[in-house]
Amino acid sequence: MLYAEVKYLVEKEIMLELKQKYVLNGILLYLVSTVFVTYLAFENTINAETWNSLFWIILLFVAVNGISKSFLQESPARHLYYYTIASPQAVVLAKILYNLFLMAALSLLAFGFFLLLMGNQVVNIPLFLLTLVLGSLGLSSVLTMVAAIASRASQNFSLMAILSFPIVLPLLATLMKVSKAALNSMEWTGLSGFLVILLTINGAVIALAYLLFPYLWRD
């Protein structure tokens, strides 16, 4: 039952996104223009550490802009409609899953644009791609839950930024450490601890969203 509800809601999110192409086009334009401006500013002068830092900073802002619409742009009437057709657990899991797909696609696009314009600084491509997947999952789960909370506070976008900062900061710091290792070496040794931290943060946030969102949904 839960699987069917999540599947239906994810399909609904995709259909709405296709009908409102200006939202996705705006995010893509922001991503491309930001990477291009970065290229103009750092042409032929960028090192691996700066490359890594700029990549995650840009991806963070893209994630905030892309995922904030999860709940903040939906009307109370639509929330009431969801309440009548699906469980709150299905709603939040569908939002996280859809935002994961969105963030994974945007992360790969950002990586492609960086390779095209800023040059390839990554030595260990498989490790970097794994970091992108874990980062996409972490950002989508954290920002989706925070967006749900902010939507109950008069659609306050600034509240979303404030609430997400303490959670996103350790996640982003860990992602940057793992991706820095991918830029410097082909070795995977010594990274198991960081990968466990990323998996723990992702799992904890998803579990909290699953357990606590029903109480927020009833409010």
Protein backbone atom coordinates (compact mmCIF):
# COMPACT_ATOMS: atom_id res chain seq x y z
CA MET A 1 0.00 0.00 0.00
CA LEU A 2 2.75 2.42 0.96
CA TYR A 3 4.72 1.52 -2.18
CA ALA A 4 1.70 2.21 -4.41
CA GLU A 5 1.07 5.58 -2.76
CA VAL A 6 4.71 6.62 -3.08
CA LYS A 7 4.79 5.52 -6.72
CA TYR A 8 1.62 7.49 -7.51
CA LEU A 9 2.89 10.63 -5.75
CA VAL A 10 6.29 10.50 -7.48
CA GLU A 11 4.54 10.20 -10.84
CA LYS A 12 2.40 13.18 -9.86
CA GLU A 13 5.52 15.22 -9.03
CA ILE A 14 7.04 14.38 -12.41
CA MET A 15 3.86 15.36 -14.24
CA LEU A 16 3.66 18.68 -12.40
CA GLU A 17 7.31 19.37 -13.16
CA LEU A 18 6.74 18.75 -16.86
CA LYS A 19 3.74 21.10 -16.83
CA GLN A 20 5.74 23.82 -15.05
CA LYS A 21 8.90 23.67 -17.11
CA TYR A 22 9.82 27.25 -16.25
CA VAL A 23 10.77 26.14 -12.72
CA LEU A 24 13.19 23.46 -13.89
CA ASN A 25 14.49 25.72 -16.67
CA GLY A 26 15.16 28.42 -14.11
CA ILE A 27 17.19 26.02 -11.96
CA LEU A 28 19.17 24.83 -14.99
CA LEU A 29 19.83 28.42 -16.07
CA TYR A 30 21.04 29.26 -12.58
CA LEU A 31 23.35 26.23 -12.58
CA VAL A 32 24.84 26.90 -16.01
CA SER A 33 25.27 30.64 -15.48
CA THR A 34 26.90 30.16 -12.07
CA VAL A 35 29.39 27.61 -13.39
CA PHE A 36 30.15 29.86 -16.38
CA VAL A 37 30.74 32.93 -14.19
CA THR A 38 33.02 30.79 -12.01
CA TYR A 39 34.91 29.74 -15.12
CA LEU A 40 35.38 33.38 -16.16
CA ALA A 41 36.63 34.31 -12.71
CA PHE A 42 39.07 31.40 -12.24
CA GLU A 43 40.14 30.57 -15.80
CA ASN A 44 43.49 28.72 -15.78
CA THR A 45 44.15 29.66 -12.14
CA ILE A 46 42.11 27.12 -10.21
CA ASN A 47 43.60 24.32 -8.10
CA ALA A 48 41.99 21.11 -6.86
CA GLU A 49 40.96 22.47 -3.45
CA THR A 50 39.30 25.54 -4.95
CA TRP A 51 37.63 23.39 -7.62
CA ASN A 52 36.18 21.15 -4.92
CA SER A 53 34.97 24.03 -2.74
CA LEU A 54 33.30 25.90 -5.59
CA PHE A 55 31.59 22.76 -6.83
CA TRP A 56 29.88 22.02 -3.51
CA ILE A 57 29.01 25.66 -2.84
CA ILE A 58 27.25 25.90 -6.20
CA LEU A 59 25.55 22.54 -5.69
CA LEU A 60 24.30 23.62 -2.25
CA PHE A 61 22.64 26.76 -3.60
CA VAL A 62 21.16 24.80 -6.50
CA ALA A 63 19.75 22.29 -4.00
CA VAL A 64 18.19 25.01 -1.84
CA ASN A 65 16.59 26.66 -4.87
CA GLY A 66 15.40 23.38 -6.36
CA ILE A 67 14.08 21.63 -3.26
CA SER A 68 12.53 24.62 -1.49
CA LYS A 69 9.51 24.32 -3.78
CA SER A 70 8.70 20.87 -2.37
CA PHE A 71 6.21 22.30 0.11
CA LEU A 72 6.68 26.07 0.00
CA GLN A 73 4.99 26.49 -3.39
CA GLU A 74 2.02 24.24 -2.68
CA SER A 75 -1.30 25.65 -1.55
CA PRO A 76 -3.16 24.50 1.60
CA ALA A 77 -5.87 23.12 -0.67
CA ARG A 78 -3.36 20.78 -2.31
CA HIS A 79 -2.09 19.70 1.11
CA LEU A 80 -5.66 18.86 2.08
CA TYR A 81 -6.06 16.83 -1.12
CA TYR A 82 -2.92 14.84 -0.33
CA TYR A 83 -4.26 14.25 3.17
CA THR A 84 -7.35 12.57 1.74
CA ILE A 85 -5.63 10.27 -0.76
CA ALA A 86 -2.36 9.20 0.89
CA SER A 87 -0.66 8.64 4.21
CA PRO A 88 1.76 11.30 5.48
CA GLN A 89 4.62 8.78 5.34
CA ALA A 90 3.96 8.24 1.64
CA VAL A 91 3.89 11.99 1.02
CA VAL A 92 7.24 12.71 2.65
CA LEU A 93 8.94 9.63 1.17
CA ALA A 94 7.67 10.55 -2.31
CA LYS A 95 8.99 14.09 -1.90
CA ILE A 96 12.40 12.82 -0.77
CA LEU A 97 12.57 10.27 -3.58
CA TYR A 98 11.61 12.77 -6.27
CA ASN A 99 14.06 15.35 -4.92
CA LEU A 100 16.75 12.65 -4.89
CA PHE A 101 16.20 12.06 -8.61
CA LEU A 102 16.24 15.81 -9.23
CA MET A 103 19.40 16.41 -7.20
CA ALA A 104 21.20 13.43 -8.76
CA ALA A 105 20.47 14.80 -12.24
CA LEU A 106 21.54 18.32 -11.27
CA SER A 107 24.70 16.98 -9.61
CA LEU A 108 25.69 15.08 -12.73
CA LEU A 109 24.98 18.14 -14.88
CA ALA A 110 27.06 20.32 -12.58
CA PHE A 111 29.89 17.79 -12.69
CA GLY A 112 29.69 17.69 -16.48
CA PHE A 113 29.80 21.49 -16.78
CA PHE A 114 32.73 21.64 -14.37
CA LEU A 115 34.63 19.08 -16.44
CA LEU A 116 33.85 21.01 -19.61
CA LEU A 117 34.73 24.49 -18.38
CA MET A 118 36.97 24.10 -15.34
CA GLY A 119 38.93 21.03 -16.39
CA ASN A 120 39.05 17.59 -14.81
CA GLN A 121 40.59 17.73 -11.34
CA VAL A 122 39.10 14.38 -10.23
CA VAL A 123 41.46 11.42 -10.02
CA ASN A 124 39.08 8.84 -8.57
CA ILE A 125 35.90 9.18 -10.65
CA PRO A 126 33.97 6.24 -9.03
CA LEU A 127 34.54 7.65 -5.54
CA PHE A 128 33.47 11.12 -6.63
CA LEU A 129 30.29 9.77 -8.25
CA LEU A 130 29.49 7.83 -5.07
CA THR A 131 29.94 11.07 -3.14
CA LEU A 132 27.52 12.79 -5.51
CA VAL A 133 24.88 10.10 -4.90
CA LEU A 134 25.28 10.28 -1.11
CA GLY A 135 25.31 14.06 -1.24
CA SER A 136 22.16 14.15 -3.38
CA LEU A 137 20.39 11.84 -0.94
CA GLY A 138 21.51 13.87 2.05
CA LEU A 139 20.58 17.26 0.60
CA SER A 140 17.23 16.03 -0.69
CA SER A 141 16.21 14.43 2.62
CA VAL A 142 17.39 17.32 4.83
CA LEU A 143 15.97 20.11 2.70
CA THR A 144 12.69 18.29 2.06
CA MET A 145 12.05 17.88 5.78
CA VAL A 146 13.05 21.48 6.53
CA ALA A 147 10.84 22.71 3.69
CA ALA A 148 7.92 20.83 5.26
CA ILE A 149 8.55 22.57 8.58
CA ALA A 150 8.93 26.00 6.95
CA SER A 151 5.70 25.51 5.01
CA ARG A 152 3.85 25.39 8.34
CA ALA A 153 5.35 28.76 9.30
CA SER A 154 3.60 31.03 6.77
CA GLN A 155 5.69 29.74 3.84
CA ASN A 156 8.82 31.34 5.34
CA PHE A 157 11.75 30.70 2.99
CA SER A 158 14.25 32.38 5.33
CA LEU A 159 13.23 29.93 8.07
CA MET A 160 14.18 27.07 5.76
CA ALA A 161 17.70 28.46 5.34
CA ILE A 162 18.10 28.96 9.10
CA LEU A 163 16.84 25.51 10.08
CA SER A 164 18.78 23.64 7.40
CA PHE A 165 22.17 25.26 8.16
CA PRO A 166 23.06 23.25 11.33
CA ILE A 167 22.22 19.97 9.58
CA VAL A 168 23.64 20.72 6.15
CA LEU A 169 26.96 22.05 7.50
CA PRO A 170 28.33 18.72 8.88
CA LEU A 171 26.92 16.91 5.85
CA LEU A 172 28.64 19.32 3.46
CA ALA A 173 31.91 19.22 5.41
CA THR A 174 31.99 15.42 5.21
CA LEU A 175 31.13 15.44 1.51
CA MET A 176 33.96 17.87 0.81
CA LYS A 177 36.46 15.69 2.67
CA VAL A 178 35.50 12.57 0.69
CA SER A 179 35.44 14.41 -2.63
CA LYS A 180 38.81 16.01 -1.81
CA ALA A 181 40.24 12.50 -1.43
CA ALA A 182 38.74 11.64 -4.84
CA LEU A 183 40.54 14.64 -6.33
CA ASN A 184 43.93 13.67 -4.88
CA SER A 185 44.23 9.89 -5.00
CA MET A 186 42.83 6.65 -6.38
CA GLU A 187 42.95 5.11 -2.90
CA TRP A 188 39.80 4.32 -0.90
CA THR A 189 41.65 3.57 2.33
CA GLY A 190 40.79 5.72 5.32
CA LEU A 191 37.46 6.84 3.87
CA SER A 192 35.20 4.18 5.38
CA GLY A 193 34.58 6.33 8.45
CA PHE A 194 33.44 9.31 6.37
CA LEU A 195 31.21 7.11 4.22
CA VAL A 196 29.62 5.63 7.35
CA ILE A 197 28.99 9.17 8.65
CA LEU A 198 27.26 10.11 5.39
CA LEU A 199 25.11 6.97 5.45
CA THR A 200 24.26 7.57 9.12
CA ILE A 201 23.21 11.18 8.53
CA ASN A 202 21.09 10.20 5.53
CA GLY A 203 19.46 7.30 7.34
CA ALA A 204 18.78 9.33 10.48
CA VAL A 205 17.17 12.20 8.58
CA ILE A 206 14.96 9.89 6.51
CA ALA A 207 13.92 7.97 9.64
CA LEU A 208 13.09 11.20 11.48
CA ALA A 209 11.11 12.45 8.52
CA TYR A 210 9.17 9.18 8.37
CA LEU A 211 8.40 9.23 12.10
CA LEU A 212 7.80 12.94 12.73
CA PHE A 213 6.16 14.14 9.52
CA PRO A 214 2.73 12.64 10.41
CA TYR A 215 2.57 14.88 13.49
CA LEU A 216 3.54 17.90 11.41
CA TRP A 217 1.02 16.87 8.74
CA ARG A 218 -1.88 16.85 11.20
CA ASP A 219 -1.06 20.35 12.46
